PDB file of N, CA and C in Angstrom:
ATOM      1  N   MET A   1      10.489 -47.782  40.942  1.00  0.00           N
ATOM      2  CA  MET A   1      11.692 -47.162  40.426  1.00  0.00           C
ATOM      3  C   MET A   1      11.329 -45.788  39.873  1.00  0.00           C
ATOM      4  N   GLU A   2      12.087 -44.780  40.244  1.00  0.00           N
ATOM      5  CA  GLU A   2      11.853 -43.437  39.747  1.00  0.00           C
ATOM      6  C   GLU A   2      12.311 -43.324  38.302  1.00  0.00           C
ATOM      7  N   LEU A   3      11.678 -42.409  37.575  1.00  0.00           N
ATOM      8  CA  LEU A   3      12.006 -42.214  36.176  1.00  0.00           C
ATOM      9  C   LEU A   3      13.491 -41.951  35.974  1.00  0.00           C
ATOM     10  N   SER A   4      14.075 -41.129  36.808  1.00  0.00           N
ATOM     11  CA  SER A   4      15.487 -40.788  36.644  1.00  0.00           C
ATOM     12  C   SER A   4      16.387 -42.009  36.785  1.00  0.00           C
ATOM     13  N   GLU A   5      15.945 -43.021  37.534  1.00  0.00           N
ATOM     14  CA  GLU A   5      16.752 -44.226  37.712  1.00  0.00           C
ATOM     15  C   GLU A   5      16.713 -45.129  36.486  1.00  0.00           C
ATOM     16  N   ARG A   6      15.689 -44.970  35.630  1.00  0.00           N
ATOM     17  CA  ARG A   6      15.564 -45.810  34.446  1.00  0.00           C
ATOM     18  C   ARG A   6      16.328 -45.256  33.259  1.00  0.00           C
ATOM     19  N   ARG A   7      16.715 -44.006  33.319  1.00  0.00           N
ATOM     20  CA  ARG A   7      17.403 -43.391  32.198  1.00  0.00           C
ATOM     21  C   ARG A   7      18.831 -43.902  32.104  1.00  0.00           C
ATOM     22  N   ARG A   8      19.263 -44.134  30.861  1.00  0.00           N
ATOM     23  CA  ARG A   8      20.620 -44.627  30.642  1.00  0.00           C
ATOM     24  C   ARG A   8      21.653 -43.516  30.776  1.00  0.00           C
ATOM     25  N   HIS A   9      21.255 -42.291  30.430  1.00  0.00           N
ATOM     26  CA  HIS A   9      22.196 -41.172  30.437  1.00  0.00           C
ATOM     27  C   HIS A   9      21.593 -39.967  31.158  1.00  0.00           C
ATOM     28  N   LYS A  10      22.435 -39.211  31.788  1.00  0.00           N
ATOM     29  CA  LYS A  10      22.011 -38.018  32.519  1.00  0.00           C
ATOM     30  C   LYS A  10      21.504 -36.960  31.536  1.00  0.00           C
ATOM     31  N   ARG A  11      20.392 -36.304  31.899  1.00  0.00           N
ATOM     32  CA  ARG A  11      19.801 -35.254  31.072  1.00  0.00           C
ATOM     33  C   ARG A  11      20.387 -33.889  31.411  1.00  0.00           C
ATOM     34  N   LYS A  12      20.546 -33.065  30.385  1.00  0.00           N
ATOM     35  CA  LYS A  12      20.943 -31.675  30.562  1.00  0.00           C
ATOM     36  C   LYS A  12      19.716 -30.835  30.201  1.00  0.00           C
ATOM     37  N   TYR A  13      19.246 -30.023  31.139  1.00  0.00           N
ATOM     38  CA  TYR A  13      18.062 -29.209  30.912  1.00  0.00           C
ATOM     39  C   TYR A  13      18.449 -27.921  30.204  1.00  0.00           C
ATOM     40  N   LEU A  14      17.628 -27.524  29.229  1.00  0.00           N
ATOM     41  CA  LEU A  14      17.879 -26.321  28.465  1.00  0.00           C
ATOM     42  C   LEU A  14      16.568 -25.825  27.867  1.00  0.00           C
ATOM     43  N   ALA A  15      16.579 -24.692  27.261  1.00  0.00           N
ATOM     44  CA  ALA A  15      15.442 -24.161  26.515  1.00  0.00           C
ATOM     45  C   ALA A  15      16.036 -23.565  25.250  1.00  0.00           C
ATOM     46  N   ASN A  16      16.065 -24.380  24.213  1.00  0.00           N
ATOM     47  CA  ASN A  16      16.780 -24.020  23.008  1.00  0.00           C
ATOM     48  C   ASN A  16      15.880 -24.202  21.788  1.00  0.00           C
ATOM     49  N   ALA A  17      15.603 -23.125  21.059  1.00  0.00           N
ATOM     50  CA  ALA A  17      14.761 -23.200  19.865  1.00  0.00           C
ATOM     51  C   ALA A  17      15.506 -23.917  18.748  1.00  0.00           C
ATOM     52  N   MET A  18      14.756 -24.685  17.963  1.00  0.00           N
ATOM     53  CA  MET A  18      15.342 -25.359  16.816  1.00  0.00           C
ATOM     54  C   MET A  18      14.291 -25.587  15.749  1.00  0.00           C
ATOM     55  N   GLU A  19      14.739 -25.898  14.569  1.00  0.00           N
ATOM     56  CA  GLU A  19      13.857 -26.217  13.461  1.00  0.00           C
ATOM     57  C   GLU A  19      13.783 -27.729  13.328  1.00  0.00           C
ATOM     58  N   CYS A  20      12.567 -28.239  13.177  1.00  0.00           N
ATOM     59  CA  CYS A  20      12.373 -29.678  13.035  1.00  0.00           C
ATOM     60  C   CYS A  20      11.736 -29.978  11.686  1.00  0.00           C
ATOM     61  N   GLU A  21      12.047 -31.141  11.167  1.00  0.00           N
ATOM     62  CA  GLU A  21      11.484 -31.579   9.894  1.00  0.00           C
ATOM     63  C   GLU A  21      10.905 -32.967  10.080  1.00  0.00           C
ATOM     64  N   LEU A  22       9.675 -33.122   9.633  1.00  0.00           N
ATOM     65  CA  LEU A  22       8.957 -34.391   9.739  1.00  0.00           C
ATOM     66  C   LEU A  22       8.638 -34.845   8.331  1.00  0.00           C
ATOM     67  N   LYS A  23       9.110 -36.027   7.953  1.00  0.00           N
ATOM     68  CA  LYS A  23       8.822 -36.569   6.624  1.00  0.00           C
ATOM     69  C   LYS A  23       7.825 -37.710   6.767  1.00  0.00           C
ATOM     70  N   GLU A  24       6.704 -37.555   6.106  1.00  0.00           N
ATOM     71  CA  GLU A  24       5.658 -38.577   6.107  1.00  0.00           C
ATOM     72  C   GLU A  24       5.371 -38.937   4.657  1.00  0.00           C
ATOM     73  N   LEU A  25       5.557 -40.190   4.311  1.00  0.00           N
ATOM     74  CA  LEU A  25       5.371 -40.642   2.938  1.00  0.00           C
ATOM     75  C   LEU A  25       6.148 -39.715   2.010  1.00  0.00           C
ATOM     76  N   GLN A  26       5.483 -38.964   1.145  1.00  0.00           N
ATOM     77  CA  GLN A  26       6.213 -38.092   0.235  1.00  0.00           C
ATOM     78  C   GLN A  26       6.020 -36.621   0.585  1.00  0.00           C
ATOM     79  N   GLN A  27       5.530 -36.350   1.783  1.00  0.00           N
ATOM     80  CA  GLN A  27       5.335 -34.978   2.232  1.00  0.00           C
ATOM     81  C   GLN A  27       6.383 -34.627   3.278  1.00  0.00           C
ATOM     82  N   LYS A  28       6.714 -33.352   3.307  1.00  0.00           N
ATOM     83  CA  LYS A  28       7.680 -32.873   4.294  1.00  0.00           C
ATOM     84  C   LYS A  28       7.044 -31.696   5.025  1.00  0.00           C
ATOM     85  N   GLU A  29       7.110 -31.712   6.354  1.00  0.00           N
ATOM     86  CA  GLU A  29       6.579 -30.630   7.172  1.00  0.00           C
ATOM     87  C   GLU A  29       7.715 -30.072   8.022  1.00  0.00           C
ATOM     88  N   ILE A  30       7.900 -28.766   7.974  1.00  0.00           N
ATOM     89  CA  ILE A  30       8.926 -28.112   8.785  1.00  0.00           C
ATOM     90  C   ILE A  30       8.219 -27.281   9.845  1.00  0.00           C
ATOM     91  N   PHE A  31       8.671 -27.396  11.096  1.00  0.00           N
ATOM     92  CA  PHE A  31       8.054 -26.658  12.186  1.00  0.00           C
ATOM     93  C   PHE A  31       9.108 -26.312  13.233  1.00  0.00           C
ATOM     94  N   ASP A  32       8.791 -25.308  14.039  1.00  0.00           N
ATOM     95  CA  ASP A  32       9.691 -24.894  15.113  1.00  0.00           C
ATOM     96  C   ASP A  32       9.359 -25.659  16.387  1.00  0.00           C
ATOM     97  N   CYS A  33      10.356 -25.870  17.209  1.00  0.00           N
ATOM     98  CA  CYS A  33      10.155 -26.540  18.489  1.00  0.00           C
ATOM     99  C   CYS A  33      11.212 -26.026  19.472  1.00  0.00           C
ATOM    100  N   VAL A  34      11.076 -26.426  20.708  1.00  0.00           N
ATOM    101  CA  VAL A  34      12.037 -26.064  21.742  1.00  0.00           C
ATOM    102  C   VAL A  34      12.554 -27.337  22.386  1.00  0.00           C
ATOM    103  N   ALA A  35      13.848 -27.454  22.488  1.00  0.00           N
ATOM    104  CA  ALA A  35      14.454 -28.592  23.192  1.00  0.00           C
ATOM    105  C   ALA A  35      14.397 -28.287  24.681  1.00  0.00           C
ATOM    106  N   ALA A  36      13.733 -29.148  25.457  1.00  0.00           N
ATOM    107  CA  ALA A  36      13.603 -28.949  26.903  1.00  0.00           C
ATOM    108  C   ALA A  36      14.748 -29.609  27.658  1.00  0.00           C
ATOM    109  N   ASN A  37      15.178 -30.765  27.172  1.00  0.00           N
ATOM    110  CA  ASN A  37      16.336 -31.423  27.759  1.00  0.00           C
ATOM    111  C   ASN A  37      16.938 -32.361  26.727  1.00  0.00           C
ATOM    112  N   ILE A  38      18.187 -32.726  26.962  1.00  0.00           N
ATOM    113  CA  ILE A  38      18.913 -33.561  26.007  1.00  0.00           C
ATOM    114  C   ILE A  38      19.886 -34.452  26.762  1.00  0.00           C
ATOM    115  N   SER A  39      20.142 -35.629  26.206  1.00  0.00           N
ATOM    116  CA  SER A  39      21.160 -36.527  26.745  1.00  0.00           C
ATOM    117  C   SER A  39      21.861 -37.186  25.568  1.00  0.00           C
ATOM    118  N   GLN A  40      22.775 -38.051  25.858  1.00  0.00           N
ATOM    119  CA  GLN A  40      23.486 -38.783  24.815  1.00  0.00           C
ATOM    120  C   GLN A  40      22.526 -39.650  24.000  1.00  0.00           C
ATOM    121  N   SER A  41      21.444 -40.137  24.620  1.00  0.00           N
ATOM    122  CA  SER A  41      20.548 -41.068  23.935  1.00  0.00           C
ATOM    123  C   SER A  41      19.246 -40.461  23.437  1.00  0.00           C
ATOM    124  N   GLY A  42      18.903 -39.216  23.830  1.00  0.00           N
ATOM    125  CA  GLY A  42      17.631 -38.673  23.374  1.00  0.00           C
ATOM    126  C   GLY A  42      17.428 -37.211  23.706  1.00  0.00           C
ATOM    127  N   ILE A  43      16.233 -36.731  23.351  1.00  0.00           N
ATOM    128  CA  ILE A  43      15.896 -35.327  23.522  1.00  0.00           C
ATOM    129  C   ILE A  43      14.400 -35.207  23.807  1.00  0.00           C
ATOM    130  N   CYS A  44      14.030 -34.202  24.598  1.00  0.00           N
ATOM    131  CA  CYS A  44      12.631 -33.907  24.869  1.00  0.00           C
ATOM    132  C   CYS A  44      12.302 -32.598  24.173  1.00  0.00           C
ATOM    133  N   LEU A  45      11.273 -32.606  23.317  1.00  0.00           N
ATOM    134  CA  LEU A  45      10.881 -31.431  22.570  1.00  0.00           C
ATOM    135  C   LEU A  45       9.532 -30.906  23.037  1.00  0.00           C
ATOM    136  N   ILE A  46       9.377 -29.585  22.995  1.00  0.00           N
ATOM    137  CA  ILE A  46       8.096 -28.921  23.203  1.00  0.00           C
ATOM    138  C   ILE A  46       7.725 -28.337  21.845  1.00  0.00           C
ATOM    139  N   THR A  47       6.504 -28.618  21.380  1.00  0.00           N
ATOM    140  CA  THR A  47       6.091 -28.190  20.056  1.00  0.00           C
ATOM    141  C   THR A  47       4.598 -27.889  20.014  1.00  0.00           C
ATOM    142  N   THR A  48       4.180 -27.177  19.001  1.00  0.00           N
ATOM    143  CA  THR A  48       2.751 -26.954  18.796  1.00  0.00           C
ATOM    144  C   THR A  48       2.163 -28.057  17.915  1.00  0.00           C
ATOM    145  N   ASN A  49       3.026 -28.881  17.345  1.00  0.00           N
ATOM    146  CA  ASN A  49       2.592 -29.986  16.488  1.00  0.00           C
ATOM    147  C   ASN A  49       2.517 -31.287  17.269  1.00  0.00           C
ATOM    148  N   PRO A  50       1.408 -32.009  17.186  1.00  0.00           N
ATOM    149  CA  PRO A  50       1.373 -33.319  17.828  1.00  0.00           C
ATOM    150  C   PRO A  50       2.276 -34.292  17.057  1.00  0.00           C
ATOM    151  N   LEU A  51       3.000 -35.115  17.767  1.00  0.00           N
ATOM    152  CA  LEU A  51       3.857 -36.124  17.149  1.00  0.00           C
ATOM    153  C   LEU A  51       3.346 -37.501  17.534  1.00  0.00           C
ATOM    154  N   GLN A  52       3.576 -38.469  16.678  1.00  0.00           N
ATOM    155  CA  GLN A  52       3.117 -39.837  16.900  1.00  0.00           C
ATOM    156  C   GLN A  52       4.306 -40.761  17.144  1.00  0.00           C
ATOM    157  N   ASN A  53       4.102 -41.755  17.998  1.00  0.00           N
ATOM    158  CA  ASN A  53       5.155 -42.741  18.258  1.00  0.00           C
ATOM    159  C   ASN A  53       5.647 -43.335  16.948  1.00  0.00           C
ATOM    160  N   GLY A  54       6.958 -43.452  16.827  1.00  0.00           N
ATOM    161  CA  GLY A  54       7.565 -44.062  15.647  1.00  0.00           C
ATOM    162  C   GLY A  54       7.928 -43.087  14.543  1.00  0.00           C
ATOM    163  N   GLN A  55       7.425 -41.854  14.606  1.00  0.00           N
ATOM    164  CA  GLN A  55       7.776 -40.884  13.582  1.00  0.00           C
ATOM    165  C   GLN A  55       9.247 -40.502  13.691  1.00  0.00           C
ATOM    166  N   LYS A  56       9.840 -40.178  12.558  1.00  0.00           N
ATOM    167  CA  LYS A  56      11.233 -39.726  12.495  1.00  0.00           C
ATOM    168  C   LYS A  56      11.242 -38.209  12.351  1.00  0.00           C
ATOM    169  N   VAL A  57      11.988 -37.548  13.221  1.00  0.00           N
ATOM    170  CA  VAL A  57      12.087 -36.091  13.210  1.00  0.00           C
ATOM    171  C   VAL A  57      13.555 -35.716  13.034  1.00  0.00           C
ATOM    172  N   THR A  58      13.835 -34.831  12.085  1.00  0.00           N
ATOM    173  CA  THR A  58      15.185 -34.331  11.876  1.00  0.00           C
ATOM    174  C   THR A  58      15.260 -32.922  12.457  1.00  0.00           C
ATOM    175  N   MET A  59      16.246 -32.694  13.312  1.00  0.00           N
ATOM    176  CA  MET A  59      16.392 -31.428  14.019  1.00  0.00           C
ATOM    177  C   MET A  59      17.624 -30.681  13.538  1.00  0.00           C
ATOM    178  N   LYS A  60      17.471 -29.350  13.415  1.00  0.00           N
ATOM    179  CA  LYS A  60      18.577 -28.490  12.987  1.00  0.00           C
ATOM    180  C   LYS A  60      18.753 -27.388  14.020  1.00  0.00           C
ATOM    181  N   ASN A  61      19.991 -27.243  14.503  1.00  0.00           N
ATOM    182  CA  ASN A  61      20.297 -26.231  15.505  1.00  0.00           C
ATOM    183  C   ASN A  61      21.796 -26.243  15.735  1.00  0.00           C
ATOM    184  N   HIS A  62      22.316 -25.212  16.379  1.00  0.00           N
ATOM    185  CA  HIS A  62      23.751 -25.169  16.673  1.00  0.00           C
ATOM    186  C   HIS A  62      24.166 -26.242  17.688  1.00  0.00           C
ATOM    187  N   ILE A  63      23.202 -26.910  18.345  1.00  0.00           N
ATOM    188  CA  ILE A  63      23.520 -27.989  19.291  1.00  0.00           C
ATOM    189  C   ILE A  63      24.217 -29.135  18.560  1.00  0.00           C
ATOM    190  N   PHE A  64      23.752 -29.391  17.328  1.00  0.00           N
ATOM    191  CA  PHE A  64      24.267 -30.515  16.547  1.00  0.00           C
ATOM    192  C   PHE A  64      25.187 -30.007  15.440  1.00  0.00           C
ATOM    193  N   PRO A  65      26.305 -30.666  15.195  1.00  0.00           N
ATOM    194  CA  PRO A  65      27.214 -30.239  14.128  1.00  0.00           C
ATOM    195  C   PRO A  65      26.576 -30.395  12.744  1.00  0.00           C
ATOM    196  N   SER A  66      25.609 -31.298  12.606  1.00  0.00           N
ATOM    197  CA  SER A  66      24.855 -31.485  11.370  1.00  0.00           C
ATOM    198  C   SER A  66      23.438 -31.917  11.771  1.00  0.00           C
ATOM    199  N   PRO A  67      22.472 -31.858  10.850  1.00  0.00           N
ATOM    200  CA  PRO A  67      21.107 -32.255  11.223  1.00  0.00           C
ATOM    201  C   PRO A  67      21.094 -33.635  11.883  1.00  0.00           C
ATOM    202  N   ARG A  68      20.266 -33.780  12.902  1.00  0.00           N
ATOM    203  CA  ARG A  68      20.207 -35.021  13.689  1.00  0.00           C
ATOM    204  C   ARG A  68      18.791 -35.578  13.649  1.00  0.00           C
ATOM    205  N   THR A  69      18.656 -36.878  13.382  1.00  0.00           N
ATOM    206  CA  THR A  69      17.345 -37.524  13.308  1.00  0.00           C
ATOM    207  C   THR A  69      17.130 -38.403  14.528  1.00  0.00           C
ATOM    208  N   ALA A  70      15.901 -38.378  15.032  1.00  0.00           N
ATOM    209  CA  ALA A  70      15.533 -39.187  16.196  1.00  0.00           C
ATOM    210  C   ALA A  70      14.115 -39.726  15.987  1.00  0.00           C
ATOM    211  N   THR A  71      13.779 -40.767  16.740  1.00  0.00           N
ATOM    212  CA  THR A  71      12.473 -41.417  16.656  1.00  0.00           C
ATOM    213  C   THR A  71      11.622 -41.049  17.860  1.00  0.00           C
ATOM    214  N   VAL A  72      10.370 -40.681  17.622  1.00  0.00           N
ATOM    215  CA  VAL A  72       9.449 -40.342  18.704  1.00  0.00           C
ATOM    216  C   VAL A  72       9.125 -41.612  19.487  1.00  0.00           C
ATOM    217  N   ARG A  73       9.344 -41.585  20.804  1.00  0.00           N
ATOM    218  CA  ARG A  73       9.043 -42.721  21.683  1.00  0.00           C
ATOM    219  C   ARG A  73       7.789 -42.493  22.509  1.00  0.00           C
ATOM    220  N   TRP A  74       7.469 -41.221  22.800  1.00  0.00           N
ATOM    221  CA  TRP A  74       6.237 -40.893  23.508  1.00  0.00           C
ATOM    222  C   TRP A  74       5.889 -39.433  23.221  1.00  0.00           C
ATOM    223  N   SER A  75       4.600 -39.115  23.354  1.00  0.00           N
ATOM    224  CA  SER A  75       4.130 -37.759  23.144  1.00  0.00           C
ATOM    225  C   SER A  75       2.902 -37.533  24.007  1.00  0.00           C
ATOM    226  N   GLU A  76       2.759 -36.303  24.542  1.00  0.00           N
ATOM    227  CA  GLU A  76       1.619 -36.000  25.407  1.00  0.00           C
ATOM    228  C   GLU A  76       1.271 -34.524  25.333  1.00  0.00           C
ATOM    229  N   ASP A  77       0.024 -34.186  25.713  1.00  0.00           N
ATOM    230  CA  ASP A  77      -0.371 -32.787  25.825  1.00  0.00           C
ATOM    231  C   ASP A  77       0.482 -32.132  26.902  1.00  0.00           C
ATOM    232  N   TYR A  78       0.775 -30.863  26.711  1.00  0.00           N
ATOM    233  CA  TYR A  78       1.598 -30.138  27.672  1.00  0.00           C
ATOM    234  C   TYR A  78       0.970 -28.770  27.909  1.00  0.00           C
ATOM    235  N   LYS A  79       0.475 -28.565  29.111  1.00  0.00           N
ATOM    236  CA  LYS A  79      -0.120 -27.298  29.538  1.00  0.00           C
ATOM    237  C   LYS A  79      -1.276 -26.856  28.646  1.00  0.00           C
ATOM    238  N   SER A  80      -1.983 -27.790  28.051  1.00  0.00           N
ATOM    239  CA  SER A  80      -3.168 -27.547  27.224  1.00  0.00           C
ATOM    240  C   SER A  80      -2.921 -26.647  26.012  1.00  0.00           C
ATOM    241  N   LEU A  81      -1.687 -26.303  25.738  1.00  0.00           N
ATOM    242  CA  LEU A  81      -1.369 -25.445  24.594  1.00  0.00           C
ATOM    243  C   LEU A  81      -0.356 -26.074  23.646  1.00  0.00           C
ATOM    244  N   TYR A  82       0.462 -26.931  24.183  1.00  0.00           N
ATOM    245  CA  TYR A  82       1.579 -27.495  23.435  1.00  0.00           C
ATOM    246  C   TYR A  82       1.584 -29.012  23.559  1.00  0.00           C
ATOM    247  N   PHE A  83       2.580 -29.608  22.934  1.00  0.00           N
ATOM    248  CA  PHE A  83       2.822 -31.040  23.059  1.00  0.00           C
ATOM    249  C   PHE A  83       4.259 -31.221  23.509  1.00  0.00           C
ATOM    250  N   ARG A  84       4.486 -32.247  24.287  1.00  0.00           N
ATOM    251  CA  ARG A  84       5.827 -32.603  24.741  1.00  0.00           C
ATOM    252  C   ARG A  84       6.093 -34.008  24.234  1.00  0.00           C
ATOM    253  N   ALA A  85       7.274 -34.228  23.690  1.00  0.00           N
ATOM    254  CA  ALA A  85       7.590 -35.533  23.112  1.00  0.00           C
ATOM    255  C   ALA A  85       9.012 -35.942  23.476  1.00  0.00           C
ATOM    256  N   GLY A  86       9.181 -37.223  23.742  1.00  0.00           N
ATOM    257  CA  GLY A  86      10.489 -37.795  23.995  1.00  0.00           C
ATOM    258  C   GLY A  86      10.959 -38.531  22.759  1.00  0.00           C
ATOM    259  N   LEU A  87      12.131 -38.193  22.279  1.00  0.00           N
ATOM    260  CA  LEU A  87      12.685 -38.805  21.087  1.00  0.00           C
ATOM    261  C   LEU A  87      13.994 -39.502  21.418  1.00  0.00           C
ATOM    262  N   GLU A  88      14.237 -40.595  20.741  1.00  0.00           N
ATOM    263  CA  GLU A  88      15.455 -41.386  20.938  1.00  0.00           C
ATOM    264  C   GLU A  88      16.343 -41.278  19.717  1.00  0.00           C
ATOM    265  N   PHE A  89      17.619 -40.940  19.925  1.00  0.00           N
ATOM    266  CA  PHE A  89      18.572 -40.892  18.839  1.00  0.00           C
ATOM    267  C   PHE A  89      18.902 -42.309  18.393  1.00  0.00           C
ATOM    268  N   ALA A  90      19.209 -42.459  17.107  1.00  0.00           N
ATOM    269  CA  ALA A  90      19.657 -43.762  16.604  1.00  0.00           C
ATOM    270  C   ALA A  90      20.997 -44.082  17.227  1.00  0.00           C
ATOM    271  N   SER A  91      21.211 -45.358  17.545  1.00  0.00           N
ATOM    272  CA  SER A  91      22.470 -45.758  18.190  1.00  0.00           C
ATOM    273  C   SER A  91      23.617 -45.753  17.234  1.00  0.00           C
TER     274      SER A  91
END
């Protein structure tokens, strides 16, 4: 089965800068990222920060009417300079 056949919702490809916030224990880290694609159920981010499965990331951008939080489902090296991560929005 191809990856596109497993997706629940169609992806819209874009290149949109946004601000992300990662809260770990009592620390907060803010970093910039780029949204590579988005759907009703999730988003793919390109970032210079490595992300770990299960982390919660809050994103701020004109795409969302208010800050939106999603959970990291996968993360990988991207072009040896960046990281690419797939995040799932809460249902």
